[in-house]
Amino acid sequence: MWWNFVGRDHDEIVRARADWEEQREGHDRGEGFRFDPVRADGGAALPAPDLPNARLRARPDTAVPDPAPRPPAEGR
């Protein structure tokens, strides 16, 4: 995640930022657009900040494994 964009890798974040910049003005439009217009406060949508001068990296998986396996559910 970077700013308000979620992606699996750096390239997805770059695409999301580019889409936001292209679509943030909120003009009525047809299908195929990633972002809906921002109309809640009546002001203009904020521009996305510049990306850092480095490739973004995914966070390491910090999930703690389940210490005790669960028995299979009945009927499986």
PDB file of N, CA and C in Angstrom:
ATOM      1  N   MET A   1       0.859  -1.171   0.000  1.00  0.00           N
ATOM      2  CA  MET A   1       0.000   0.000   0.000  1.00  0.00           C
ATOM      3  C   MET A   1       0.902   1.229   0.000  1.00  0.00           C
ATOM      4  N   TRP A   2       0.551   2.176  -0.811  1.00  0.00           N
ATOM      5  CA  TRP A   2       1.262   3.447  -0.848  1.00  0.00           C
ATOM      6  C   TRP A   2       0.226   4.531  -1.044  1.00  0.00           C
ATOM      7  N   TRP A   3       0.278   5.537  -0.235  1.00  0.00           N
ATOM      8  CA  TRP A   3      -0.709   6.604  -0.194  1.00  0.00           C
ATOM      9  C   TRP A   3      -2.065   5.945  -0.036  1.00  0.00           C
ATOM     10  N   ASN A   4      -2.977   6.033  -0.992  1.00  0.00           N
ATOM     11  CA  ASN A   4      -4.264   5.344  -0.910  1.00  0.00           C
ATOM     12  C   ASN A   4      -4.376   4.225  -1.942  1.00  0.00           C
ATOM     13  N   PHE A   5      -3.267   3.802  -2.476  1.00  0.00           N
ATOM     14  CA  PHE A   5      -3.291   2.782  -3.519  1.00  0.00           C
ATOM     15  C   PHE A   5      -2.819   1.451  -2.956  1.00  0.00           C
ATOM     16  N   VAL A   6      -3.479   0.382  -3.377  1.00  0.00           N
ATOM     17  CA  VAL A   6      -3.107  -0.962  -2.961  1.00  0.00           C
ATOM     18  C   VAL A   6      -2.733  -1.741  -4.207  1.00  0.00           C
ATOM     19  N   GLY A   7      -1.609  -2.432  -4.154  1.00  0.00           N
ATOM     20  CA  GLY A   7      -1.177  -3.255  -5.277  1.00  0.00           C
ATOM     21  C   GLY A   7      -0.276  -4.363  -4.790  1.00  0.00           C
ATOM     22  N   ARG A   8      -0.120  -5.371  -5.630  1.00  0.00           N
ATOM     23  CA  ARG A   8       0.734  -6.504  -5.259  1.00  0.00           C
ATOM     24  C   ARG A   8       2.199  -6.233  -5.517  1.00  0.00           C
ATOM     25  N   ASP A   9       2.467  -5.232  -6.362  1.00  0.00           N
ATOM     26  CA  ASP A   9       3.870  -4.936  -6.657  1.00  0.00           C
ATOM     27  C   ASP A   9       3.998  -3.468  -7.080  1.00  0.00           C
ATOM     28  N   HIS A  10       5.220  -3.055  -7.303  1.00  0.00           N
ATOM     29  CA  HIS A  10       5.515  -1.667  -7.657  1.00  0.00           C
ATOM     30  C   HIS A  10       4.744  -1.230  -8.911  1.00  0.00           C
ATOM     31  N   ASP A  11       4.732  -2.083  -9.922  1.00  0.00           N
ATOM     32  CA  ASP A  11       4.095  -1.714 -11.190  1.00  0.00           C
ATOM     33  C   ASP A  11       2.594  -1.482 -11.039  1.00  0.00           C
ATOM     34  N   GLU A  12       1.925  -2.255 -10.182  1.00  0.00           N
ATOM     35  CA  GLU A  12       0.490  -2.032  -9.957  1.00  0.00           C
ATOM     36  C   GLU A  12       0.253  -0.685  -9.264  1.00  0.00           C
ATOM     37  N   ILE A  13       1.125  -0.308  -8.358  1.00  0.00           N
ATOM     38  CA  ILE A  13       0.999   0.995  -7.688  1.00  0.00           C
ATOM     39  C   ILE A  13       1.220   2.120  -8.698  1.00  0.00           C
ATOM     40  N   VAL A  14       2.197   1.961  -9.569  1.00  0.00           N
ATOM     41  CA  VAL A  14       2.460   2.972 -10.607  1.00  0.00           C
ATOM     42  C   VAL A  14       1.230   3.133 -11.496  1.00  0.00           C
ATOM     43  N   ARG A  15       0.617   2.007 -11.899  1.00  0.00           N
ATOM     44  CA  ARG A  15      -0.593   2.078 -12.736  1.00  0.00           C
ATOM     45  C   ARG A  15      -1.750   2.733 -11.985  1.00  0.00           C
ATOM     46  N   ALA A  16      -1.914   2.383 -10.704  1.00  0.00           N
ATOM     47  CA  ALA A  16      -3.004   2.976  -9.911  1.00  0.00           C
ATOM     48  C   ALA A  16      -2.826   4.489  -9.796  1.00  0.00           C
ATOM     49  N   ARG A  17      -1.592   4.926  -9.558  1.00  0.00           N
ATOM     50  CA  ARG A  17      -1.330   6.370  -9.451  1.00  0.00           C
ATOM     51  C   ARG A  17      -1.639   7.070 -10.772  1.00  0.00           C
ATOM     52  N   ALA A  18      -1.201   6.474 -11.872  1.00  0.00           N
ATOM     53  CA  ALA A  18      -1.457   7.070 -13.190  1.00  0.00           C
ATOM     54  C   ALA A  18      -2.961   7.132 -13.472  1.00  0.00           C
ATOM     55  N   ASP A  19      -3.687   6.063 -13.138  1.00  0.00           N
ATOM     56  CA  ASP A  19      -5.141   6.059 -13.325  1.00  0.00           C
ATOM     57  C   ASP A  19      -5.791   7.157 -12.489  1.00  0.00           C
ATOM     58  N   TRP A  20      -5.356   7.299 -11.237  1.00  0.00           N
ATOM     59  CA  TRP A  20      -5.921   8.326 -10.365  1.00  0.00           C
ATOM     60  C   TRP A  20      -5.704   9.712 -10.964  1.00  0.00           C
ATOM     61  N   GLU A  21      -4.488   9.989 -11.380  1.00  0.00           N
ATOM     62  CA  GLU A  21      -4.194  11.305 -11.938  1.00  0.00           C
ATOM     63  C   GLU A  21      -5.030  11.572 -13.185  1.00  0.00           C
ATOM     64  N   GLU A  22      -5.266  10.551 -13.968  1.00  0.00           N
ATOM     65  CA  GLU A  22      -6.052  10.693 -15.191  1.00  0.00           C
ATOM     66  C   GLU A  22      -7.540  10.882 -14.887  1.00  0.00           C
ATOM     67  N   GLN A  23      -8.028  10.260 -13.815  1.00  0.00           N
ATOM     68  CA  GLN A  23      -9.464  10.186 -13.553  1.00  0.00           C
ATOM     69  C   GLN A  23      -9.945  11.022 -12.374  1.00  0.00           C
ATOM     70  N   ARG A  24      -9.060  11.664 -11.626  1.00  0.00           N
ATOM     71  CA  ARG A  24      -9.458  12.298 -10.373  1.00  0.00           C
ATOM     72  C   ARG A  24     -10.350  13.523 -10.538  1.00  0.00           C
ATOM     73  N   GLU A  25     -10.418  14.080 -11.715  1.00  0.00           N
ATOM     74  CA  GLU A  25     -11.252  15.266 -11.904  1.00  0.00           C
ATOM     75  C   GLU A  25     -12.732  14.952 -11.734  1.00  0.00           C
ATOM     76  N   GLY A  26     -13.112  13.674 -11.843  1.00  0.00           N
ATOM     77  CA  GLY A  26     -14.480  13.276 -11.543  1.00  0.00           C
ATOM     78  C   GLY A  26     -15.496  13.559 -12.620  1.00  0.00           C
ATOM     79  N   HIS A  27     -15.059  13.707 -13.851  1.00  0.00           N
ATOM     80  CA  HIS A  27     -16.026  13.906 -14.931  1.00  0.00           C
ATOM     81  C   HIS A  27     -16.892  12.667 -15.067  1.00  0.00           C
ATOM     82  N   ASP A  28     -18.158  12.868 -15.392  1.00  0.00           N
ATOM     83  CA  ASP A  28     -19.022  11.710 -15.612  1.00  0.00           C
ATOM     84  C   ASP A  28     -18.463  10.903 -16.764  1.00  0.00           C
ATOM     85  N   ARG A  29     -18.470   9.612 -16.602  1.00  0.00           N
ATOM     86  CA  ARG A  29     -17.839   8.756 -17.597  1.00  0.00           C
ATOM     87  C   ARG A  29     -18.514   7.400 -17.628  1.00  0.00           C
ATOM     88  N   GLY A  30     -18.167   6.628 -18.607  1.00  0.00           N
ATOM     89  CA  GLY A  30     -18.750   5.295 -18.782  1.00  0.00           C
ATOM     90  C   GLY A  30     -17.974   4.243 -18.014  1.00  0.00           C
ATOM     91  N   GLU A  31     -18.148   3.020 -18.440  1.00  0.00           N
ATOM     92  CA  GLU A  31     -17.483   1.895 -17.786  1.00  0.00           C
ATOM     93  C   GLU A  31     -15.984   1.893 -18.080  1.00  0.00           C
ATOM     94  N   GLY A  32     -15.252   1.103 -17.294  1.00  0.00           N
ATOM     95  CA  GLY A  32     -13.836   0.946 -17.536  1.00  0.00           C
ATOM     96  C   GLY A  32     -12.958   1.881 -16.744  1.00  0.00           C
ATOM     97  N   PHE A  33     -13.559   2.695 -15.884  1.00  0.00           N
ATOM     98  CA  PHE A  33     -12.762   3.597 -15.070  1.00  0.00           C
ATOM     99  C   PHE A  33     -12.577   2.998 -13.690  1.00  0.00           C
ATOM    100  N   ARG A  34     -11.419   3.159 -13.155  1.00  0.00           N
ATOM    101  CA  ARG A  34     -11.043   2.542 -11.885  1.00  0.00           C
ATOM    102  C   ARG A  34     -11.594   3.293 -10.670  1.00  0.00           C
ATOM    103  N   PHE A  35     -11.663   4.601 -10.749  1.00  0.00           N
ATOM    104  CA  PHE A  35     -12.035   5.409  -9.591  1.00  0.00           C
ATOM    105  C   PHE A  35     -13.333   6.165  -9.843  1.00  0.00           C
ATOM    106  N   ASP A  36     -14.171   6.188  -8.824  1.00  0.00           N
ATOM    107  CA  ASP A  36     -15.394   6.986  -8.888  1.00  0.00           C
ATOM    108  C   ASP A  36     -15.058   8.427  -8.550  1.00  0.00           C
ATOM    109  N   PRO A  37     -15.864   9.359  -9.023  1.00  0.00           N
ATOM    110  CA  PRO A  37     -15.618  10.761  -8.687  1.00  0.00           C
ATOM    111  C   PRO A  37     -15.698  10.993  -7.173  1.00  0.00           C
ATOM    112  N   VAL A  38     -14.891  11.895  -6.668  1.00  0.00           N
ATOM    113  CA  VAL A  38     -14.922  12.272  -5.257  1.00  0.00           C
ATOM    114  C   VAL A  38     -15.821  13.490  -5.153  1.00  0.00           C
ATOM    115  N   ARG A  39     -16.931  13.334  -4.461  1.00  0.00           N
ATOM    116  CA  ARG A  39     -17.897  14.438  -4.393  1.00  0.00           C
ATOM    117  C   ARG A  39     -18.317  14.772  -2.971  1.00  0.00           C
ATOM    118  N   ALA A  40     -17.792  14.080  -1.987  1.00  0.00           N
ATOM    119  CA  ALA A  40     -18.278  14.209  -0.608  1.00  0.00           C
ATOM    120  C   ALA A  40     -18.117  15.622  -0.053  1.00  0.00           C
ATOM    121  N   ASP A  41     -17.002  16.273  -0.317  1.00  0.00           N
ATOM    122  CA  ASP A  41     -16.790  17.583   0.314  1.00  0.00           C
ATOM    123  C   ASP A  41     -16.934  18.756  -0.656  1.00  0.00           C
ATOM    124  N   GLY A  42     -17.197  18.474  -1.903  1.00  0.00           N
ATOM    125  CA  GLY A  42     -17.382  19.535  -2.876  1.00  0.00           C
ATOM    126  C   GLY A  42     -16.102  20.121  -3.426  1.00  0.00           C
ATOM    127  N   GLY A  43     -14.968  19.783  -2.832  1.00  0.00           N
ATOM    128  CA  GLY A  43     -13.690  20.284  -3.325  1.00  0.00           C
ATOM    129  C   GLY A  43     -13.097  19.349  -4.368  1.00  0.00           C
ATOM    130  N   ALA A  44     -12.002  19.774  -4.925  1.00  0.00           N
ATOM    131  CA  ALA A  44     -11.322  18.952  -5.924  1.00  0.00           C
ATOM    132  C   ALA A  44     -10.610  17.779  -5.245  1.00  0.00           C
ATOM    133  N   ALA A  45     -10.509  16.682  -5.956  1.00  0.00           N
ATOM    134  CA  ALA A  45      -9.775  15.524  -5.444  1.00  0.00           C
ATOM    135  C   ALA A  45      -8.289  15.864  -5.363  1.00  0.00           C
ATOM    136  N   LEU A  46      -7.638  15.362  -4.345  1.00  0.00           N
ATOM    137  CA  LEU A  46      -6.214  15.637  -4.160  1.00  0.00           C
ATOM    138  C   LEU A  46      -5.371  14.927  -5.202  1.00  0.00           C
ATOM    139  N   PRO A  47      -4.326  15.579  -5.675  1.00  0.00           N
ATOM    140  CA  PRO A  47      -3.404  14.878  -6.565  1.00  0.00           C
ATOM    141  C   PRO A  47      -2.569  13.886  -5.747  1.00  0.00           C
ATOM    142  N   ALA A  48      -2.196  12.800  -6.377  1.00  0.00           N
ATOM    143  CA  ALA A  48      -1.329  11.822  -5.706  1.00  0.00           C
ATOM    144  C   ALA A  48       0.076  12.390  -5.608  1.00  0.00           C
ATOM    145  N   PRO A  49       0.731  12.181  -4.482  1.00  0.00           N
ATOM    146  CA  PRO A  49       2.117  12.643  -4.386  1.00  0.00           C
ATOM    147  C   PRO A  49       3.010  11.873  -5.353  1.00  0.00           C
ATOM    148  N   ASP A  50       4.156  12.442  -5.656  1.00  0.00           N
ATOM    149  CA  ASP A  50       5.116  11.734  -6.501  1.00  0.00           C
ATOM    150  C   ASP A  50       5.530  10.432  -5.834  1.00  0.00           C
ATOM    151  N   LEU A  51       5.813   9.448  -6.656  1.00  0.00           N
ATOM    152  CA  LEU A  51       6.328   8.186  -6.120  1.00  0.00           C
ATOM    153  C   LEU A  51       7.746   8.392  -5.624  1.00  0.00           C
ATOM    154  N   PRO A  52       8.158   7.585  -4.637  1.00  0.00           N
ATOM    155  CA  PRO A  52       9.539   7.713  -4.162  1.00  0.00           C
ATOM    156  C   PRO A  52      10.519   7.349  -5.277  1.00  0.00           C
ATOM    157  N   ASN A  53      11.733   7.810  -5.147  1.00  0.00           N
ATOM    158  CA  ASN A  53      12.755   7.546  -6.154  1.00  0.00           C
ATOM    159  C   ASN A  53      13.388   6.176  -5.928  1.00  0.00           C
ATOM    160  N   ALA A  54      12.553   5.173  -5.777  1.00  0.00           N
ATOM    161  CA  ALA A  54      12.991   3.792  -5.564  1.00  0.00           C
ATOM    162  C   ALA A  54      11.809   2.882  -5.859  1.00  0.00           C
ATOM    163  N   ARG A  55      12.084   1.637  -6.165  1.00  0.00           N
ATOM    164  CA  ARG A  55      10.996   0.677  -6.382  1.00  0.00           C
ATOM    165  C   ARG A  55      10.387   0.301  -5.040  1.00  0.00           C
ATOM    166  N   LEU A  56       9.072   0.251  -4.989  1.00  0.00           N
ATOM    167  CA  LEU A  56       8.376  -0.168  -3.778  1.00  0.00           C
ATOM    168  C   LEU A  56       8.508  -1.684  -3.629  1.00  0.00           C
ATOM    169  N   ARG A  57       8.633  -2.145  -2.401  1.00  0.00           N
ATOM    170  CA  ARG A  57       8.746  -3.581  -2.145  1.00  0.00           C
ATOM    171  C   ARG A  57       7.582  -4.030  -1.280  1.00  0.00           C
ATOM    172  N   ALA A  58       7.174  -5.268  -1.465  1.00  0.00           N
ATOM    173  CA  ALA A  58       6.099  -5.833  -0.653  1.00  0.00           C
ATOM    174  C   ALA A  58       6.587  -6.018   0.779  1.00  0.00           C
ATOM    175  N   ARG A  59       5.686  -5.872   1.711  1.00  0.00           N
ATOM    176  CA  ARG A  59       6.023  -6.162   3.101  1.00  0.00           C
ATOM    177  C   ARG A  59       6.206  -7.665   3.264  1.00  0.00           C
ATOM    178  N   PRO A  60       7.047  -8.065   4.197  1.00  0.00           N
ATOM    179  CA  PRO A  60       7.164  -9.501   4.453  1.00  0.00           C
ATOM    180  C   PRO A  60       5.876 -10.023   5.093  1.00  0.00           C
ATOM    181  N   ASP A  61       5.590 -11.284   4.869  1.00  0.00           N
ATOM    182  CA  ASP A  61       4.408 -11.906   5.464  1.00  0.00           C
ATOM    183  C   ASP A  61       4.678 -12.091   6.951  1.00  0.00           C
ATOM    184  N   THR A  62       3.949 -11.377   7.774  1.00  0.00           N
ATOM    185  CA  THR A  62       4.172 -11.444   9.213  1.00  0.00           C
ATOM    186  C   THR A  62       3.102 -12.249   9.925  1.00  0.00           C
ATOM    187  N   ALA A  63       2.282 -12.962   9.171  1.00  0.00           N
ATOM    188  CA  ALA A  63       1.229 -13.764   9.788  1.00  0.00           C
ATOM    189  C   ALA A  63       1.857 -14.857  10.654  1.00  0.00           C
ATOM    190  N   VAL A  64       1.296 -15.041  11.827  1.00  0.00           N
ATOM    191  CA  VAL A  64       1.783 -16.083  12.734  1.00  0.00           C
ATOM    192  C   VAL A  64       1.059 -17.378  12.389  1.00  0.00           C
ATOM    193  N   PRO A  65       1.808 -18.463  12.139  1.00  0.00           N
ATOM    194  CA  PRO A  65       1.128 -19.713  11.797  1.00  0.00           C
ATOM    195  C   PRO A  65       0.290 -20.229  12.966  1.00  0.00           C
ATOM    196  N   ASP A  66      -0.795 -20.902  12.636  1.00  0.00           N
ATOM    197  CA  ASP A  66      -1.670 -21.495  13.634  1.00  0.00           C
ATOM    198  C   ASP A  66      -0.904 -22.623  14.332  1.00  0.00           C
ATOM    199  N   PRO A  67      -0.757 -22.558  15.666  1.00  0.00           N
ATOM    200  CA  PRO A  67       0.057 -23.557  16.365  1.00  0.00           C
ATOM    201  C   PRO A  67      -0.554 -24.957  16.374  1.00  0.00           C
ATOM    202  N   ALA A  68      -1.863 -25.064  16.312  1.00  0.00           N
ATOM    203  CA  ALA A  68      -2.500 -26.385  16.355  1.00  0.00           C
ATOM    204  C   ALA A  68      -3.408 -26.549  15.148  1.00  0.00           C
ATOM    205  N   PRO A  69      -3.107 -27.536  14.286  1.00  0.00           N
ATOM    206  CA  PRO A  69      -3.996 -27.745  13.140  1.00  0.00           C
ATOM    207  C   PRO A  69      -5.400 -28.128  13.598  1.00  0.00           C
ATOM    208  N   ARG A  70      -6.366 -27.662  12.862  1.00  0.00           N
ATOM    209  CA  ARG A  70      -7.763 -27.969  13.199  1.00  0.00           C
ATOM    210  C   ARG A  70      -8.188 -29.240  12.483  1.00  0.00           C
ATOM    211  N   PRO A  71      -9.021 -30.027  13.126  1.00  0.00           N
ATOM    212  CA  PRO A  71      -9.510 -31.246  12.444  1.00  0.00           C
ATOM    213  C   PRO A  71     -10.411 -30.844  11.290  1.00  0.00           C
ATOM    214  N   PRO A  72     -10.465 -31.663  10.248  1.00  0.00           N
ATOM    215  CA  PRO A  72     -11.326 -31.330   9.102  1.00  0.00           C
ATOM    216  C   PRO A  72     -12.786 -31.269   9.528  1.00  0.00           C
ATOM    217  N   ALA A  73     -13.527 -30.389   8.880  1.00  0.00           N
ATOM    218  CA  ALA A  73     -14.964 -30.263   9.149  1.00  0.00           C
ATOM    219  C   ALA A  73     -15.668 -31.508   8.671  1.00  0.00           C
ATOM    220  N   GLU A  74     -16.746 -31.853   9.357  1.00  0.00           N
ATOM    221  CA  GLU A  74     -17.498 -33.059   8.974  1.00  0.00           C
ATOM    222  C   GLU A  74     -18.108 -32.870   7.602  1.00  0.00           C
ATOM    223  N   GLY A  75     -18.157 -33.940   6.860  1.00  0.00           N
ATOM    224  CA  GLY A  75     -18.742 -33.893   5.528  1.00  0.00           C
ATOM    225  C   GLY A  75     -17.737 -33.568   4.445  1.00  0.00           C
ATOM    226  N   ARG A  76     -16.473 -33.424   4.800  1.00  0.00           N
ATOM    227  CA  ARG A  76     -15.449 -33.135   3.793  1.00  0.00           C
ATOM    228  C   ARG A  76     -14.633 -34.346   3.500  1.00  0.00           C
TER     229      ARG A  76
END
